[in-house]
Amino acid sequence: MREGAQLTQAEASNRYEVFHTDCPARDVVDHVTSRWGIWVLISLRSNDLRFYELRDSIQGISEKMLAQTLRALVQDDLVWRKVEPTTPPQVTYGLTGFGQDVGEPLTDLFDRITHRLAAGGASATEQLSATGRPASLSSVADRPRNSHRP
């Protein structure tokens, strides 16, 4: 669609009614923008992680909330889940192609926020309390991606 252009009747019928409570796209947006969904997507942006690695990378999340968030993101096809048949089972999570597409602007958003806070002279404590994360997510974004995918 061209910027500023009105939707044609055909384009409008192919789009979701995102402001309607029954819209399936609205559920996906709710999961992505949930308190923990954003952090899971950003944490998985650079590396595939096991459950406990993911839990340790997101300070403050409980195992219960991480499990619920991952379940919703897997159901929405944003995150994949691979179970190794070992004792105990090793479960690894990573981003699907869709999850990569959705996660990229989230990482950019938080990089812009942290750069803005740093440029404004906010103290490290103010930056942390304003974002809930350290001053820069570059350490997360700059980690090399694991090449294995299911």
Foldseek 3Di string as FASTA:
>chain_A
DDPPDDDDPVRVVPDFPCVDPPTPVVLVVCLCPPPCNLLLLLLQLAEKAWLVVSCVVQPPDDSVNSVVSVVSCVVVQQKDWDWDPDVVITIIIHGDPVVNVVNVVSLVVLQVLLVVCVVVVHDQVVCCVVPVDGSHSVVSNVHHYDPDDD
